[in-house]
Amino acid sequence: MEASTIAQGQGRKPGPVAIPPGLGRFVRFVFGTIEYVEMDSRGIQERVRKRYGPQMTELAGLGFEQLCFYGEAFSTARFLFVIPAITVLSMLIERRPLRIHEGTKIMACYPLLVSGDKTTYANPCEMDVKLFTAFTDGTFLVSATGRGIDAAGPTMTKHCGAATIGEAWSSHRLRIREFQSAGKCVDRQISFRRFRDLSQRETELL
């Protein structure tokens, strides 16, 4: 669950939004530790395919392949902070795939794809689609469609606001080439664990 999810319901037009410094830390405090779990349940996988089918189909047309399905879970005790409860209600209204995990946690479920050249993860989610590329020096690049938080730090470079998945992928590939021209090497060791680490680091750096 990222900070920009909370900014969605404010009636703004799509595109990068100005998020107050520290909001990411506040959201992490409210939701607590997010648990990432790879899923093999056929029932939930079908629900995820149904909800994110258009994005998955478009990504497949751009050369992406399915890697796995996974969930992000947080404790229902966090409903006491109100914002998590509102977020879950919004996701239910939008028919996002949710499930109960280990009896006491709410899990939002997503697909995870990888580009044919094994450079980039694609994560269709409530923010539409995010693309992640890791480099062997520990830095990484994130691109996203729709609203989000831009960043240009020493570890993470993030660009939001692409109008389409194709536009996001095109600009993402251009930035990969720019980083490679500057001497960076793409980390092509693809796995769910490595994606989880990238996603968690993205949240920590907001």
N, C-alpha and C. Protein backbone atom coordinates (compact mmCIF):
# COMPACT_ATOMS: atom_id res chain seq x y z
N MET A 1 0.85 -1.19 0.00
CA MET A 1 0.00 0.00 0.00
C MET A 1 0.89 1.24 0.00
N GLU A 2 0.86 2.07 -1.03
CA GLU A 2 1.75 3.21 -1.06
C GLU A 2 1.01 4.50 -0.79
N ALA A 3 1.79 5.54 -0.44
CA ALA A 3 1.21 6.80 -0.01
C ALA A 3 0.30 7.40 -1.05
N SER A 4 0.62 7.25 -2.33
CA SER A 4 -0.17 7.89 -3.38
C SER A 4 -1.56 7.29 -3.49
N THR A 5 -1.80 6.10 -2.94
CA THR A 5 -3.14 5.52 -2.93
C THR A 5 -4.10 6.43 -2.17
N ILE A 6 -3.64 6.99 -1.06
CA ILE A 6 -4.49 7.83 -0.23
C ILE A 6 -4.83 9.12 -0.94
N ALA A 7 -3.94 9.59 -1.83
CA ALA A 7 -4.17 10.85 -2.53
C ALA A 7 -5.16 10.71 -3.67
N GLN A 8 -5.59 9.49 -3.98
CA GLN A 8 -6.44 9.28 -5.15
C GLN A 8 -7.80 9.95 -5.03
N GLY A 9 -8.39 9.90 -3.84
CA GLY A 9 -9.77 10.34 -3.71
C GLY A 9 -9.94 11.82 -3.53
N GLN A 10 -9.03 12.62 -4.08
CA GLN A 10 -9.08 14.06 -3.87
C GLN A 10 -9.52 14.82 -5.11
N GLY A 11 -10.04 14.11 -6.14
CA GLY A 11 -10.62 14.77 -7.30
C GLY A 11 -9.64 15.45 -8.22
N ARG A 12 -8.37 15.02 -8.20
CA ARG A 12 -7.39 15.66 -9.07
C ARG A 12 -7.32 14.95 -10.41
N LYS A 13 -6.83 15.66 -11.42
CA LYS A 13 -6.66 15.07 -12.72
C LYS A 13 -5.44 14.16 -12.69
N PRO A 14 -5.40 13.13 -13.56
CA PRO A 14 -4.25 12.25 -13.60
C PRO A 14 -2.95 13.00 -13.86
N GLY A 15 -1.87 12.50 -13.29
CA GLY A 15 -0.57 13.11 -13.44
C GLY A 15 0.13 13.13 -12.10
N PRO A 16 1.41 13.47 -12.04
CA PRO A 16 2.13 13.52 -10.79
C PRO A 16 1.46 14.48 -9.82
N VAL A 17 1.46 14.15 -8.54
CA VAL A 17 0.85 15.02 -7.54
C VAL A 17 1.90 15.41 -6.52
N ALA A 18 1.70 16.58 -5.93
CA ALA A 18 2.60 17.04 -4.89
C ALA A 18 2.19 16.40 -3.57
N ILE A 19 3.01 15.52 -3.04
CA ILE A 19 2.74 14.86 -1.78
C ILE A 19 3.61 15.49 -0.71
N PRO A 20 3.06 15.89 0.43
CA PRO A 20 3.86 16.52 1.48
C PRO A 20 4.98 15.60 1.93
N PRO A 21 6.19 16.14 2.18
CA PRO A 21 7.29 15.32 2.67
C PRO A 21 6.88 14.59 3.95
N GLY A 22 7.25 13.34 4.07
CA GLY A 22 6.93 12.59 5.27
C GLY A 22 5.64 11.81 5.20
N LEU A 23 4.82 12.02 4.14
CA LEU A 23 3.56 11.29 4.06
C LEU A 23 3.81 9.79 3.92
N GLY A 24 4.87 9.43 3.18
CA GLY A 24 5.19 8.01 3.04
C GLY A 24 5.45 7.37 4.40
N ARG A 25 6.20 8.05 5.24
CA ARG A 25 6.48 7.53 6.59
C ARG A 25 5.20 7.43 7.40
N PHE A 26 4.32 8.41 7.24
CA PHE A 26 3.05 8.38 7.96
C PHE A 26 2.21 7.18 7.55
N VAL A 27 2.14 6.92 6.24
CA VAL A 27 1.36 5.78 5.75
C VAL A 27 1.94 4.47 6.25
N ARG A 28 3.28 4.37 6.28
CA ARG A 28 3.90 3.14 6.80
C ARG A 28 3.57 2.94 8.26
N PHE A 29 3.50 4.05 9.01
CA PHE A 29 3.12 3.97 10.42
C PHE A 29 1.68 3.49 10.57
N VAL A 30 0.79 4.01 9.73
CA VAL A 30 -0.63 3.67 9.82
C VAL A 30 -0.89 2.22 9.44
N PHE A 31 -0.27 1.74 8.34
CA PHE A 31 -0.53 0.38 7.86
C PHE A 31 0.35 -0.66 8.55
N GLY A 32 1.44 -0.24 9.14
CA GLY A 32 2.34 -1.20 9.78
C GLY A 32 3.14 -1.96 8.73
N THR A 33 3.70 -3.08 9.14
CA THR A 33 4.50 -3.91 8.24
C THR A 33 3.61 -4.58 7.20
N ILE A 34 3.97 -4.42 5.93
CA ILE A 34 3.24 -5.07 4.85
C ILE A 34 3.94 -6.39 4.52
N GLU A 35 3.20 -7.47 4.56
CA GLU A 35 3.74 -8.79 4.26
C GLU A 35 3.48 -9.13 2.79
N TYR A 36 4.52 -9.52 2.08
CA TYR A 36 4.41 -9.92 0.67
C TYR A 36 4.38 -11.45 0.60
N VAL A 37 3.37 -11.99 -0.08
CA VAL A 37 3.19 -13.44 -0.14
C VAL A 37 2.92 -13.87 -1.57
N GLU A 38 3.72 -14.80 -2.08
CA GLU A 38 3.45 -15.38 -3.39
C GLU A 38 2.29 -16.35 -3.26
N MET A 39 1.34 -16.33 -4.23
CA MET A 39 0.12 -17.12 -4.11
C MET A 39 0.02 -18.17 -5.20
N ASP A 40 -0.53 -19.33 -4.83
CA ASP A 40 -0.75 -20.39 -5.82
C ASP A 40 -2.21 -20.83 -5.88
N SER A 41 -3.10 -20.10 -5.20
CA SER A 41 -4.52 -20.43 -5.21
C SER A 41 -5.12 -20.11 -6.58
N ARG A 42 -5.68 -21.13 -7.24
CA ARG A 42 -6.26 -20.90 -8.56
C ARG A 42 -7.45 -19.95 -8.50
N GLY A 43 -8.22 -20.05 -7.42
CA GLY A 43 -9.39 -19.19 -7.29
C GLY A 43 -9.02 -17.72 -7.25
N ILE A 44 -8.04 -17.37 -6.43
CA ILE A 44 -7.65 -15.96 -6.34
C ILE A 44 -6.92 -15.53 -7.60
N GLN A 45 -6.18 -16.43 -8.22
CA GLN A 45 -5.52 -16.08 -9.47
C GLN A 45 -6.53 -15.71 -10.55
N GLU A 46 -7.63 -16.43 -10.61
CA GLU A 46 -8.67 -16.11 -11.59
C GLU A 46 -9.30 -14.76 -11.30
N ARG A 47 -9.50 -14.45 -10.03
CA ARG A 47 -10.04 -13.15 -9.66
C ARG A 47 -9.08 -12.03 -10.07
N VAL A 48 -7.79 -12.27 -9.87
CA VAL A 48 -6.79 -11.27 -10.24
C VAL A 48 -6.76 -11.08 -11.76
N ARG A 49 -6.80 -12.20 -12.49
CA ARG A 49 -6.82 -12.10 -13.96
C ARG A 49 -8.04 -11.33 -14.45
N LYS A 50 -9.17 -11.58 -13.83
CA LYS A 50 -10.40 -10.90 -14.25
C LYS A 50 -10.29 -9.40 -14.01
N ARG A 51 -9.74 -9.00 -12.86
CA ARG A 51 -9.68 -7.58 -12.51
C ARG A 51 -8.59 -6.84 -13.29
N TYR A 52 -7.43 -7.49 -13.46
CA TYR A 52 -6.30 -6.83 -14.10
C TYR A 52 -6.04 -7.36 -15.51
N GLY A 53 -7.02 -8.06 -16.07
CA GLY A 53 -6.88 -8.63 -17.40
C GLY A 53 -6.47 -7.64 -18.48
N PRO A 54 -7.11 -6.47 -18.57
CA PRO A 54 -6.73 -5.51 -19.62
C PRO A 54 -5.27 -5.08 -19.53
N GLN A 55 -4.80 -4.80 -18.31
CA GLN A 55 -3.40 -4.41 -18.14
C GLN A 55 -2.47 -5.57 -18.48
N MET A 56 -2.84 -6.79 -18.07
CA MET A 56 -1.99 -7.95 -18.35
C MET A 56 -1.92 -8.22 -19.86
N THR A 57 -3.04 -8.05 -20.54
CA THR A 57 -3.07 -8.26 -21.99
C THR A 57 -2.21 -7.22 -22.70
N GLU A 58 -2.32 -5.97 -22.27
CA GLU A 58 -1.52 -4.92 -22.91
C GLU A 58 -0.04 -5.15 -22.66
N LEU A 59 0.32 -5.55 -21.45
CA LEU A 59 1.72 -5.83 -21.13
C LEU A 59 2.24 -7.01 -21.95
N ALA A 60 1.40 -8.04 -22.12
CA ALA A 60 1.80 -9.19 -22.94
C ALA A 60 2.09 -8.74 -24.37
N GLY A 61 1.31 -7.80 -24.88
CA GLY A 61 1.53 -7.28 -26.22
C GLY A 61 2.83 -6.50 -26.33
N LEU A 62 3.35 -6.04 -25.18
CA LEU A 62 4.61 -5.30 -25.16
C LEU A 62 5.80 -6.22 -24.86
N GLY A 63 5.51 -7.53 -24.79
CA GLY A 63 6.59 -8.50 -24.59
C GLY A 63 6.78 -8.98 -23.17
N PHE A 64 5.86 -8.65 -22.27
CA PHE A 64 5.98 -9.10 -20.88
C PHE A 64 5.37 -10.49 -20.72
N GLU A 65 5.92 -11.25 -19.76
CA GLU A 65 5.45 -12.59 -19.46
C GLU A 65 5.06 -12.67 -17.99
N GLN A 66 4.11 -13.52 -17.67
CA GLN A 66 3.67 -13.68 -16.29
C GLN A 66 4.76 -14.33 -15.45
N LEU A 67 5.06 -13.75 -14.31
CA LEU A 67 6.02 -14.32 -13.37
C LEU A 67 5.30 -15.06 -12.25
N CYS A 68 4.33 -14.39 -11.60
CA CYS A 68 3.59 -15.01 -10.51
C CYS A 68 2.43 -14.12 -10.12
N PHE A 69 1.67 -14.58 -9.11
CA PHE A 69 0.64 -13.77 -8.47
C PHE A 69 1.06 -13.63 -7.00
N TYR A 70 0.76 -12.48 -6.42
CA TYR A 70 1.18 -12.28 -5.04
C TYR A 70 0.18 -11.39 -4.30
N GLY A 71 0.35 -11.32 -2.99
CA GLY A 71 -0.52 -10.46 -2.19
C GLY A 71 0.28 -9.60 -1.23
N GLU A 72 -0.29 -8.45 -0.87
CA GLU A 72 0.28 -7.56 0.14
C GLU A 72 -0.71 -7.53 1.30
N ALA A 73 -0.26 -7.96 2.47
CA ALA A 73 -1.18 -8.12 3.61
C ALA A 73 -0.78 -7.22 4.78
N PHE A 74 -1.80 -6.72 5.47
CA PHE A 74 -1.56 -5.97 6.71
C PHE A 74 -2.62 -6.37 7.73
N SER A 75 -2.33 -6.15 9.00
CA SER A 75 -3.20 -6.59 10.08
C SER A 75 -4.51 -5.82 10.11
N THR A 76 -5.62 -6.54 10.37
CA THR A 76 -6.92 -5.88 10.51
C THR A 76 -6.95 -4.96 11.73
N ALA A 77 -6.03 -5.16 12.67
CA ALA A 77 -5.95 -4.27 13.84
C ALA A 77 -5.67 -2.83 13.41
N ARG A 78 -5.10 -2.66 12.21
CA ARG A 78 -4.79 -1.33 11.70
C ARG A 78 -6.03 -0.54 11.32
N PHE A 79 -7.19 -1.21 11.29
CA PHE A 79 -8.44 -0.50 11.01
C PHE A 79 -8.71 0.57 12.07
N LEU A 80 -8.09 0.44 13.23
CA LEU A 80 -8.26 1.44 14.29
C LEU A 80 -7.74 2.80 13.86
N PHE A 81 -6.85 2.82 12.87
CA PHE A 81 -6.32 4.08 12.36
C PHE A 81 -7.22 4.70 11.30
N VAL A 82 -8.34 4.06 10.96
CA VAL A 82 -9.37 4.54 10.04
C VAL A 82 -8.92 4.51 8.57
N ILE A 83 -7.77 5.09 8.27
CA ILE A 83 -7.33 5.15 6.87
C ILE A 83 -7.25 3.77 6.23
N PRO A 84 -6.69 2.75 6.90
CA PRO A 84 -6.69 1.41 6.28
C PRO A 84 -8.09 0.90 5.99
N ALA A 85 -9.04 1.17 6.89
CA ALA A 85 -10.42 0.73 6.67
C ALA A 85 -11.03 1.43 5.46
N ILE A 86 -10.77 2.72 5.31
CA ILE A 86 -11.28 3.48 4.17
C ILE A 86 -10.66 2.96 2.88
N THR A 87 -9.37 2.65 2.93
CA THR A 87 -8.67 2.13 1.75
C THR A 87 -9.27 0.81 1.30
N VAL A 88 -9.52 -0.10 2.27
CA VAL A 88 -10.10 -1.40 1.94
C VAL A 88 -11.51 -1.23 1.38
N LEU A 89 -12.30 -0.34 1.97
CA LEU A 89 -13.65 -0.09 1.47
C LEU A 89 -13.60 0.41 0.04
N SER A 90 -12.67 1.31 -0.26
CA SER A 90 -12.52 1.83 -1.62
C SER A 90 -12.15 0.71 -2.58
N MET A 91 -11.26 -0.18 -2.15
CA MET A 91 -10.85 -1.29 -3.01
C MET A 91 -12.00 -2.27 -3.24
N LEU A 92 -12.83 -2.46 -2.24
CA LEU A 92 -14.00 -3.32 -2.41
C LEU A 92 -14.98 -2.73 -3.41
N ILE A 93 -15.19 -1.42 -3.32
CA ILE A 93 -16.09 -0.75 -4.25
C ILE A 93 -15.57 -0.88 -5.68
N GLU A 94 -14.24 -0.82 -5.84
CA GLU A 94 -13.62 -0.93 -7.16
C GLU A 94 -13.42 -2.38 -7.59
N ARG A 95 -13.90 -3.33 -6.78
CA ARG A 95 -13.79 -4.77 -7.07
C ARG A 95 -12.34 -5.23 -7.20
N ARG A 96 -11.48 -4.67 -6.36
CA ARG A 96 -10.11 -5.14 -6.32
C ARG A 96 -10.07 -6.49 -5.60
N PRO A 97 -9.24 -7.43 -6.04
CA PRO A 97 -9.18 -8.75 -5.40
C PRO A 97 -8.59 -8.66 -3.99
N LEU A 98 -9.40 -8.99 -2.99
CA LEU A 98 -8.96 -9.02 -1.60
C LEU A 98 -9.25 -10.39 -1.00
N ARG A 99 -8.53 -10.74 0.05
CA ARG A 99 -8.79 -11.98 0.75
C ARG A 99 -8.32 -11.85 2.19
N ILE A 100 -8.82 -12.72 3.06
CA ILE A 100 -8.35 -12.80 4.43
C ILE A 100 -7.12 -13.70 4.45
N HIS A 101 -6.07 -13.23 5.11
CA HIS A 101 -4.82 -13.99 5.17
C HIS A 101 -4.50 -14.32 6.63
N GLU A 102 -4.32 -15.60 6.91
CA GLU A 102 -3.96 -16.09 8.24
C GLU A 102 -4.97 -15.64 9.30
N GLY A 103 -6.20 -15.40 8.89
CA GLY A 103 -7.28 -15.12 9.83
C GLY A 103 -7.34 -13.71 10.38
N THR A 104 -6.23 -12.98 10.38
CA THR A 104 -6.21 -11.66 11.01
C THR A 104 -5.66 -10.56 10.11
N LYS A 105 -5.45 -10.87 8.83
CA LYS A 105 -4.86 -9.88 7.93
C LYS A 105 -5.70 -9.73 6.67
N ILE A 106 -5.70 -8.52 6.12
CA ILE A 106 -6.33 -8.25 4.84
C ILE A 106 -5.25 -8.27 3.77
N MET A 107 -5.49 -8.99 2.70
CA MET A 107 -4.50 -9.09 1.64
C MET A 107 -5.08 -8.57 0.32
N ALA A 108 -4.37 -7.63 -0.30
CA ALA A 108 -4.70 -7.17 -1.65
C ALA A 108 -3.85 -7.98 -2.62
N CYS A 109 -4.47 -8.48 -3.69
CA CYS A 109 -3.81 -9.44 -4.58
C CYS A 109 -3.53 -8.84 -5.96
N TYR A 110 -2.37 -9.17 -6.51
CA TYR A 110 -1.92 -8.56 -7.77
C TYR A 110 -1.19 -9.58 -8.65
N PRO A 111 -1.09 -9.29 -9.95
CA PRO A 111 -0.23 -10.08 -10.84
C PRO A 111 1.15 -9.44 -10.91
N LEU A 112 2.14 -10.23 -11.25
CA LEU A 112 3.49 -9.72 -11.45
C LEU A 112 4.03 -10.29 -12.76
N LEU A 113 4.48 -9.41 -13.64
CA LEU A 113 5.01 -9.83 -14.93
C LEU A 113 6.46 -9.37 -15.06
N VAL A 114 7.16 -9.93 -16.05
CA VAL A 114 8.55 -9.54 -16.30
C VAL A 114 8.75 -9.38 -17.80
N SER A 115 9.57 -8.42 -18.18
CA SER A 115 9.80 -8.15 -19.60
C SER A 115 10.58 -9.30 -20.23
N GLY A 116 10.40 -9.45 -21.54
CA GLY A 116 11.06 -10.53 -22.26
C GLY A 116 12.57 -10.46 -22.18
N ASP A 117 13.14 -9.25 -22.04
CA ASP A 117 14.59 -9.12 -21.94
C ASP A 117 15.09 -9.23 -20.50
N LYS A 118 14.18 -9.53 -19.58
CA LYS A 118 14.52 -9.75 -18.15
C LYS A 118 15.17 -8.54 -17.50
N THR A 119 14.72 -7.36 -17.90
CA THR A 119 15.24 -6.14 -17.27
C THR A 119 14.25 -5.53 -16.28
N THR A 120 12.95 -5.83 -16.46
CA THR A 120 11.93 -5.01 -15.81
C THR A 120 10.76 -5.84 -15.30
N TYR A 121 10.35 -5.54 -14.07
CA TYR A 121 9.12 -6.11 -13.51
C TYR A 121 7.97 -5.17 -13.83
N ALA A 122 6.79 -5.72 -14.11
CA ALA A 122 5.58 -4.92 -14.31
C ALA A 122 4.56 -5.34 -13.27
N ASN A 123 4.03 -4.37 -12.54
CA ASN A 123 3.13 -4.63 -11.42
C ASN A 123 1.80 -3.87 -11.62
N PRO A 124 0.81 -4.49 -12.27
CA PRO A 124 -0.52 -3.88 -12.30
C PRO A 124 -1.08 -3.84 -10.87
N CYS A 125 -1.58 -2.68 -10.47
CA CYS A 125 -2.05 -2.53 -9.09
C CYS A 125 -3.11 -1.43 -9.06
N GLU A 126 -3.47 -0.99 -7.84
CA GLU A 126 -4.51 0.02 -7.74
C GLU A 126 -4.08 1.35 -8.35
N MET A 127 -2.76 1.53 -8.55
CA MET A 127 -2.25 2.75 -9.19
C MET A 127 -2.12 2.58 -10.70
N ASP A 128 -2.69 1.51 -11.26
CA ASP A 128 -2.64 1.14 -12.68
C ASP A 128 -1.46 0.23 -12.93
N VAL A 129 -0.29 0.73 -13.34
CA VAL A 129 0.86 -0.15 -13.60
C VAL A 129 2.14 0.56 -13.17
N LYS A 130 3.00 -0.19 -12.47
CA LYS A 130 4.33 0.30 -12.11
C LYS A 130 5.38 -0.62 -12.71
N LEU A 131 6.48 -0.04 -13.17
CA LEU A 131 7.59 -0.78 -13.75
C LEU A 131 8.83 -0.58 -12.88
N PHE A 132 9.53 -1.67 -12.60
CA PHE A 132 10.73 -1.64 -11.75
C PHE A 132 11.92 -2.25 -12.48
N THR A 133 13.05 -1.56 -12.46
CA THR A 133 14.30 -2.11 -12.97
C THR A 133 15.39 -1.88 -11.94
N ALA A 134 16.10 -2.96 -11.58
CA ALA A 134 17.19 -2.87 -10.61
C ALA A 134 18.54 -2.89 -11.33
N PHE A 135 19.50 -2.19 -10.75
CA PHE A 135 20.86 -2.18 -11.27
C PHE A 135 21.80 -2.84 -10.27
N THR A 136 22.91 -3.35 -10.78
CA THR A 136 23.80 -4.15 -9.93
C THR A 136 24.49 -3.32 -8.84
N ASP A 137 24.44 -1.99 -8.94
CA ASP A 137 25.06 -1.16 -7.90
C ASP A 137 24.09 -0.86 -6.76
N GLY A 138 22.88 -1.47 -6.80
CA GLY A 138 21.91 -1.27 -5.72
C GLY A 138 20.90 -0.18 -5.99
N THR A 139 21.06 0.59 -7.05
CA THR A 139 20.09 1.62 -7.39
C THR A 139 18.97 0.99 -8.23
N PHE A 140 17.85 1.70 -8.36
CA PHE A 140 16.77 1.18 -9.17
C PHE A 140 15.90 2.29 -9.73
N LEU A 141 15.17 1.92 -10.79
CA LEU A 141 14.33 2.84 -11.54
C LEU A 141 12.88 2.38 -11.46
N VAL A 142 11.97 3.33 -11.24
CA VAL A 142 10.53 3.04 -11.20
C VAL A 142 9.82 4.00 -12.14
N SER A 143 8.91 3.46 -12.96
CA SER A 143 8.05 4.29 -13.80
C SER A 143 6.61 3.87 -13.56
N ALA A 144 5.68 4.81 -13.64
CA ALA A 144 4.29 4.47 -13.34
C ALA A 144 3.33 5.28 -14.19
N THR A 145 2.19 4.68 -14.47
CA THR A 145 1.11 5.40 -15.11
C THR A 145 0.29 6.11 -14.04
N GLY A 146 -0.39 7.18 -14.43
CA GLY A 146 -1.28 7.86 -13.50
C GLY A 146 -0.55 8.64 -12.42
N ARG A 147 -1.28 8.91 -11.34
CA ARG A 147 -0.76 9.73 -10.25
C ARG A 147 0.28 8.98 -9.44
N GLY A 148 1.17 9.73 -8.79
CA GLY A 148 2.18 9.12 -7.95
C GLY A 148 3.17 10.14 -7.45
N ILE A 149 4.19 9.64 -6.76
CA ILE A 149 5.21 10.50 -6.18
C ILE A 149 6.49 10.36 -6.99
N ASP A 150 6.94 11.43 -7.62
CA ASP A 150 8.21 11.41 -8.34
C ASP A 150 9.37 11.48 -7.36
N ALA A 151 10.49 10.88 -7.72
CA ALA A 151 11.67 10.90 -6.86
C ALA A 151 12.91 10.87 -7.72
N ALA A 152 13.98 11.54 -7.26
CA ALA A 152 15.25 11.54 -7.98
C ALA A 152 16.38 11.55 -6.97
N GLY A 153 16.45 10.50 -6.17
CA GLY A 153 17.47 10.41 -5.14
C GLY A 153 18.66 9.58 -5.59
N PRO A 154 19.63 9.39 -4.70
CA PRO A 154 20.82 8.63 -5.06
C PRO A 154 20.54 7.13 -5.25
N THR A 155 19.45 6.63 -4.65
CA THR A 155 19.14 5.20 -4.74
C THR A 155 18.01 4.92 -5.71
N MET A 156 16.93 5.69 -5.65
CA MET A 156 15.76 5.45 -6.49
C MET A 156 15.44 6.65 -7.37
N THR A 157 15.18 6.37 -8.64
CA THR A 157 14.66 7.36 -9.57
C THR A 157 13.26 6.90 -9.95
N LYS A 158 12.26 7.76 -9.75
CA LYS A 158 10.88 7.38 -10.01
C LYS A 158 10.18 8.47 -10.81
N HIS A 159 9.49 8.05 -11.87
CA HIS A 159 8.74 8.98 -12.71
C HIS A 159 7.30 8.47 -12.83
N CYS A 160 6.35 9.34 -12.57
CA CYS A 160 4.93 9.00 -12.66
C CYS A 160 4.26 9.88 -13.71
N GLY A 161 2.99 9.55 -14.01
CA GLY A 161 2.21 10.42 -14.88
C GLY A 161 2.08 9.98 -16.31
N ALA A 162 2.63 8.82 -16.68
CA ALA A 162 2.46 8.35 -18.06
C ALA A 162 0.98 8.10 -18.33
N ALA A 163 0.52 8.49 -19.51
CA ALA A 163 -0.90 8.37 -19.85
C ALA A 163 -1.29 6.94 -20.17
N THR A 164 -0.35 6.14 -20.69
CA THR A 164 -0.65 4.77 -21.07
C THR A 164 0.49 3.86 -20.63
N ILE A 165 0.22 2.54 -20.64
CA ILE A 165 1.26 1.58 -20.30
C ILE A 165 2.37 1.63 -21.35
N GLY A 166 1.99 1.73 -22.61
CA GLY A 166 2.98 1.81 -23.68
C GLY A 166 3.89 3.01 -23.52
N GLU A 167 3.32 4.14 -23.14
CA GLU A 167 4.12 5.35 -22.94
C GLU A 167 5.08 5.15 -21.77
N ALA A 168 4.58 4.54 -20.68
CA ALA A 168 5.43 4.30 -19.52
C ALA A 168 6.59 3.38 -19.88
N TRP A 169 6.32 2.32 -20.64
CA TRP A 169 7.35 1.35 -21.01
C TRP A 169 8.37 1.99 -21.95
N SER A 170 7.91 2.80 -22.87
CA SER A 170 8.82 3.46 -23.81
C SER A 170 9.77 4.39 -23.08
N SER A 171 9.24 5.22 -22.19
CA SER A 171 10.10 6.16 -21.46
C SER A 171 10.99 5.41 -20.46
N HIS A 172 10.47 4.30 -19.90
CA HIS A 172 11.26 3.51 -18.96
C HIS A 172 12.47 2.90 -19.66
N ARG A 173 12.26 2.35 -20.86
CA ARG A 173 13.37 1.76 -21.61
C ARG A 173 14.41 2.82 -21.97
N LEU A 174 13.94 4.02 -22.31
CA LEU A 174 14.86 5.11 -22.63
C LEU A 174 15.73 5.45 -21.42
N ARG A 175 15.13 5.48 -20.25
CA ARG A 175 15.89 5.79 -19.03
C ARG A 175 16.87 4.66 -18.70
N ILE A 176 16.47 3.41 -18.95
CA ILE A 176 17.39 2.29 -18.74
C ILE A 176 18.64 2.48 -19.61
N ARG A 177 18.42 2.83 -20.88
CA ARG A 177 19.56 3.03 -21.79
C ARG A 177 20.43 4.19 -21.32
N GLU A 178 19.80 5.25 -20.79
CA GLU A 178 20.57 6.39 -20.29
C GLU A 178 21.44 5.98 -19.11
N PHE A 179 20.86 5.16 -18.21
CA PHE A 179 21.64 4.69 -17.06
C PHE A 179 22.76 3.76 -17.51
N GLN A 180 22.48 2.92 -18.50
CA GLN A 180 23.52 2.03 -19.02
C GLN A 180 24.64 2.83 -19.68
N SER A 181 24.29 3.89 -20.37
CA SER A 181 25.31 4.74 -21.01
C SER A 181 26.19 5.41 -19.96
N ALA A 182 25.61 5.59 -18.76
CA ALA A 182 26.37 6.20 -17.67
C ALA A 182 27.19 5.16 -16.90
N GLY A 183 27.14 3.89 -17.35
CA GLY A 183 27.97 2.87 -16.73
C GLY A 183 27.26 1.88 -15.83
N LYS A 184 25.94 2.01 -15.65
CA LYS A 184 25.20 1.08 -14.81
C LYS A 184 24.89 -0.21 -15.56
N CYS A 185 24.80 -1.31 -14.82
CA CYS A 185 24.44 -2.61 -15.40
C CYS A 185 23.12 -3.08 -14.80
N VAL A 186 22.21 -3.54 -15.65
CA VAL A 186 20.92 -4.04 -15.17
C VAL A 186 21.12 -5.37 -14.44
N ASP A 187 20.46 -5.51 -13.31
CA ASP A 187 20.47 -6.77 -12.57
C ASP A 187 19.36 -7.65 -13.16
N ARG A 188 19.73 -8.68 -13.88
CA ARG A 188 18.77 -9.53 -14.56
C ARG A 188 18.43 -10.79 -13.76
N GLN A 189 18.76 -10.84 -12.49
CA GLN A 189 18.40 -11.98 -11.65
C GLN A 189 16.95 -11.80 -11.19
N ILE A 190 16.05 -12.38 -11.93
CA ILE A 190 14.62 -12.17 -11.73
C ILE A 190 14.05 -13.18 -10.74
N SER A 191 13.31 -12.68 -9.74
CA SER A 191 12.61 -13.55 -8.79
C SER A 191 11.59 -12.72 -8.04
N PHE A 192 10.60 -13.39 -7.44
CA PHE A 192 9.61 -12.68 -6.64
C PHE A 192 10.28 -12.00 -5.45
N ARG A 193 11.24 -12.69 -4.83
CA ARG A 193 11.92 -12.11 -3.66
C ARG A 193 12.60 -10.80 -4.02
N ARG A 194 13.26 -10.77 -5.18
CA ARG A 194 13.94 -9.54 -5.58
C ARG A 194 12.94 -8.42 -5.88
N PHE A 195 11.80 -8.77 -6.48
CA PHE A 195 10.76 -7.76 -6.70
C PHE A 195 10.25 -7.24 -5.36
N ARG A 196 9.99 -8.17 -4.42
CA ARG A 196 9.52 -7.76 -3.09
C ARG A 196 10.46 -6.75 -2.47
N ASP A 197 11.76 -7.02 -2.55
CA ASP A 197 12.74 -6.11 -1.98
C ASP A 197 12.69 -4.74 -2.65
N LEU A 198 12.53 -4.72 -3.97
CA LEU A 198 12.43 -3.44 -4.69
C LEU A 198 11.20 -2.66 -4.25
N SER A 199 10.07 -3.34 -4.18
CA SER A 199 8.81 -2.69 -3.81
C SER A 199 8.89 -2.14 -2.38
N GLN A 200 9.48 -2.89 -1.48
CA GLN A 200 9.61 -2.43 -0.10
C GLN A 200 10.55 -1.24 -0.03
N ARG A 201 11.64 -1.27 -0.79
CA ARG A 201 12.57 -0.16 -0.78
C ARG A 201 11.94 1.09 -1.37
N GLU A 202 11.09 0.92 -2.38
CA GLU A 202 10.40 2.08 -2.95
C GLU A 202 9.56 2.77 -1.88
N THR A 203 8.81 1.98 -1.11
CA THR A 203 7.98 2.55 -0.05
C THR A 203 8.83 3.24 1.01
N GLU A 204 9.93 2.63 1.38
CA GLU A 204 10.79 3.20 2.42
C GLU A 204 11.40 4.52 2.00
N LEU A 205 11.61 4.72 0.70
CA LEU A 205 12.29 5.92 0.23
C LEU A 205 11.36 7.08 -0.09
N LEU A 206 10.05 6.87 0.01
CA LEU A 206 9.10 7.94 -0.28
C LEU A 206 9.07 8.94 0.86
